Amino acid sequence: MSHIGLQHYLIVSVLLFSIGLLGVIIRRNVLVLYMSLELMLNAANLALVAFSRFKNNLDGQIMVLFIITVAAAEVAVGLALIVALYRRRQTTHVEDLTTLKL
């Protein structure tokens, strides 16, 4: 059986971050953009937990706990803004965000 090392976790983390970055760069839908940003955040969390586990130190895992807590609040605010944008403009495209002047 193969041993799963730190490099395996970091490769998965880099792949997840790259997919998220590609989604942010290419897509123009606010929901897909938001999901891509969350994917990038989770890739960073995976790297922190992996480093924490292989260094036998709980600092990274404690930091991830706080990051997940803040991300939960961010999701609530972000989705509320997306819903407000959709109710006002009936669209979720990034180009329409510049037209939100009162």
C-alpha atoms as a PDB file:
ATOM      1  CA  MET A   1       0.000   0.000   0.000  1.00  0.00           C
ATOM      2  CA  SER A   2       1.222   3.476  -0.845  1.00  0.00           C
ATOM      3  CA  HIS A   3       1.997   6.101   1.784  1.00  0.00           C
ATOM      4  CA  ILE A   4       0.175   9.407   1.368  1.00  0.00           C
ATOM      5  CA  GLY A   5       2.592  12.208   2.116  1.00  0.00           C
ATOM      6  CA  LEU A   6       2.467  15.957   2.401  1.00  0.00           C
ATOM      7  CA  GLN A   7       3.171  16.431  -1.298  1.00  0.00           C
ATOM      8  CA  HIS A   8      -0.018  14.559  -2.204  1.00  0.00           C
ATOM      9  CA  TYR A   9      -2.134  16.925  -0.124  1.00  0.00           C
ATOM     10  CA  LEU A  10      -0.354  19.936  -1.564  1.00  0.00           C
ATOM     11  CA  ILE A  11      -0.862  18.699  -5.127  1.00  0.00           C
ATOM     12  CA  VAL A  12      -4.605  18.351  -4.498  1.00  0.00           C
ATOM     13  CA  SER A  13      -4.619  21.791  -2.882  1.00  0.00           C
ATOM     14  CA  VAL A  14      -2.843  23.367  -5.867  1.00  0.00           C
ATOM     15  CA  LEU A  15      -5.220  21.645  -8.294  1.00  0.00           C
ATOM     16  CA  LEU A  16      -8.282  22.879  -6.377  1.00  0.00           C
ATOM     17  CA  PHE A  17      -6.850  26.390  -6.197  1.00  0.00           C
ATOM     18  CA  SER A  18      -6.070  26.354  -9.926  1.00  0.00           C
ATOM     19  CA  ILE A  19      -9.595  25.217 -10.808  1.00  0.00           C
ATOM     20  CA  GLY A  20     -10.993  27.998  -8.618  1.00  0.00           C
ATOM     21  CA  LEU A  21      -8.693  30.592 -10.174  1.00  0.00           C
ATOM     22  CA  LEU A  22      -9.649  29.437 -13.652  1.00  0.00           C
ATOM     23  CA  GLY A  23     -13.317  29.788 -12.701  1.00  0.00           C
ATOM     24  CA  VAL A  24     -12.748  33.324 -11.442  1.00  0.00           C
ATOM     25  CA  ILE A  25     -10.888  34.356 -14.579  1.00  0.00           C
ATOM     26  CA  ILE A  26     -13.128  32.717 -17.191  1.00  0.00           C
ATOM     27  CA  ARG A  27     -16.700  32.807 -15.851  1.00  0.00           C
ATOM     28  CA  ARG A  28     -18.940  35.868 -15.834  1.00  0.00           C
ATOM     29  CA  ASN A  29     -21.795  34.569 -13.681  1.00  0.00           C
ATOM     30  CA  VAL A  30     -21.700  35.881 -10.117  1.00  0.00           C
ATOM     31  CA  LEU A  31     -22.763  32.554  -8.599  1.00  0.00           C
ATOM     32  CA  VAL A  32     -20.060  30.588 -10.413  1.00  0.00           C
ATOM     33  CA  LEU A  33     -17.523  33.275  -9.511  1.00  0.00           C
ATOM     34  CA  TYR A  34     -18.554  33.014  -5.867  1.00  0.00           C
ATOM     35  CA  MET A  35     -18.282  29.224  -5.883  1.00  0.00           C
ATOM     36  CA  SER A  36     -14.831  29.496  -7.455  1.00  0.00           C
ATOM     37  CA  LEU A  37     -13.696  31.864  -4.697  1.00  0.00           C
ATOM     38  CA  GLU A  38     -14.962  29.417  -2.085  1.00  0.00           C
ATOM     39  CA  LEU A  39     -13.072  26.608  -3.824  1.00  0.00           C
ATOM     40  CA  MET A  40      -9.881  28.668  -3.605  1.00  0.00           C
ATOM     41  CA  LEU A  41     -10.496  29.297   0.094  1.00  0.00           C
ATOM     42  CA  ASN A  42     -10.982  25.590   0.742  1.00  0.00           C
ATOM     43  CA  ALA A  43      -7.784  24.781  -1.149  1.00  0.00           C
ATOM     44  CA  ALA A  44      -5.889  27.107   1.183  1.00  0.00           C
ATOM     45  CA  ASN A  45      -7.593  25.450   4.165  1.00  0.00           C
ATOM     46  CA  LEU A  46      -6.516  22.023   2.911  1.00  0.00           C
ATOM     47  CA  ALA A  47      -2.915  23.184   2.660  1.00  0.00           C
ATOM     48  CA  LEU A  48      -3.006  24.631   6.188  1.00  0.00           C
ATOM     49  CA  VAL A  49      -4.430  21.426   7.647  1.00  0.00           C
ATOM     50  CA  ALA A  50      -1.885  19.315   5.763  1.00  0.00           C
ATOM     51  CA  PHE A  51       1.041  21.396   7.025  1.00  0.00           C
ATOM     52  CA  SER A  52      -0.408  21.288  10.527  1.00  0.00           C
ATOM     53  CA  ARG A  53      -0.762  17.520  10.464  1.00  0.00           C
ATOM     54  CA  PHE A  54       2.715  16.812   9.159  1.00  0.00           C
ATOM     55  CA  LYS A  55       4.376  19.304  11.533  1.00  0.00           C
ATOM     56  CA  ASN A  56       2.472  17.845  14.533  1.00  0.00           C
ATOM     57  CA  ASN A  57       1.261  21.314  15.427  1.00  0.00           C
ATOM     58  CA  LEU A  58      -2.361  22.381  15.929  1.00  0.00           C
ATOM     59  CA  ASP A  59      -1.872  26.027  14.919  1.00  0.00           C
ATOM     60  CA  GLY A  60      -2.916  25.452  11.311  1.00  0.00           C
ATOM     61  CA  GLN A  61      -6.025  23.545  12.296  1.00  0.00           C
ATOM     62  CA  ILE A  62      -7.065  26.246  14.747  1.00  0.00           C
ATOM     63  CA  MET A  63      -6.555  28.873  12.046  1.00  0.00           C
ATOM     64  CA  VAL A  64      -8.732  26.827   9.651  1.00  0.00           C
ATOM     65  CA  LEU A  65     -11.477  26.710  12.281  1.00  0.00           C
ATOM     66  CA  PHE A  66     -11.514  30.521  12.421  1.00  0.00           C
ATOM     67  CA  ILE A  67     -11.349  30.781   8.629  1.00  0.00           C
ATOM     68  CA  ILE A  68     -14.360  28.484   8.241  1.00  0.00           C
ATOM     69  CA  THR A  69     -16.273  30.549  10.807  1.00  0.00           C
ATOM     70  CA  VAL A  70     -15.565  33.785   8.948  1.00  0.00           C
ATOM     71  CA  ALA A  71     -16.336  32.087   5.609  1.00  0.00           C
ATOM     72  CA  ALA A  72     -19.779  31.066   6.884  1.00  0.00           C
ATOM     73  CA  ALA A  73     -20.585  34.703   7.645  1.00  0.00           C
ATOM     74  CA  GLU A  74     -19.146  35.716   4.281  1.00  0.00           C
ATOM     75  CA  VAL A  75     -21.407  33.228   2.491  1.00  0.00           C
ATOM     76  CA  ALA A  76     -24.484  34.678   4.163  1.00  0.00           C
ATOM     77  CA  VAL A  77     -23.568  38.247   3.208  1.00  0.00           C
ATOM     78  CA  GLY A  78     -22.420  37.316  -0.292  1.00  0.00           C
ATOM     79  CA  LEU A  79     -25.541  35.354  -1.119  1.00  0.00           C
ATOM     80  CA  ALA A  80     -27.693  38.183   0.217  1.00  0.00           C
ATOM     81  CA  LEU A  81     -25.912  40.586  -2.147  1.00  0.00           C
ATOM     82  CA  ILE A  82     -26.373  38.195  -5.073  1.00  0.00           C
ATOM     83  CA  VAL A  83     -30.090  37.855  -4.308  1.00  0.00           C
ATOM     84  CA  ALA A  84     -30.399  41.653  -4.067  1.00  0.00           C
ATOM     85  CA  LEU A  85     -28.638  42.025  -7.424  1.00  0.00           C
ATOM     86  CA  TYR A  86     -30.938  39.484  -9.032  1.00  0.00           C
ATOM     87  CA  ARG A  87     -34.081  41.094  -7.617  1.00  0.00           C
ATOM     88  CA  ARG A  88     -33.011  44.505  -8.853  1.00  0.00           C
ATOM     89  CA  ARG A  89     -31.611  43.647 -12.300  1.00  0.00           C
ATOM     90  CA  GLN A  90     -33.011  40.144 -13.023  1.00  0.00           C
ATOM     91  CA  THR A  91     -29.512  38.947 -13.921  1.00  0.00           C
ATOM     92  CA  THR A  92     -26.423  37.505 -12.249  1.00  0.00           C
ATOM     93  CA  HIS A  93     -23.760  38.581 -14.749  1.00  0.00           C
ATOM     94  CA  VAL A  94     -20.666  40.427 -13.551  1.00  0.00           C
ATOM     95  CA  GLU A  95     -20.993  43.111 -16.234  1.00  0.00           C
ATOM     96  CA  ASP A  96     -24.257  44.255 -14.668  1.00  0.00           C
ATOM     97  CA  LEU A  97     -22.593  45.034 -11.328  1.00  0.00           C
ATOM     98  CA  THR A  98     -21.312  48.341 -12.711  1.00  0.00           C
ATOM     99  CA  THR A  99     -24.884  49.481 -13.363  1.00  0.00           C
ATOM    100  CA  LEU A 100     -25.922  49.399  -9.709  1.00  0.00           C
ATOM    101  CA  LYS A 101     -25.652  53.157  -9.260  1.00  0.00           C
ATOM    102  CA  LEU A 102     -28.637  54.672  -7.479  1.00  0.00           C
END
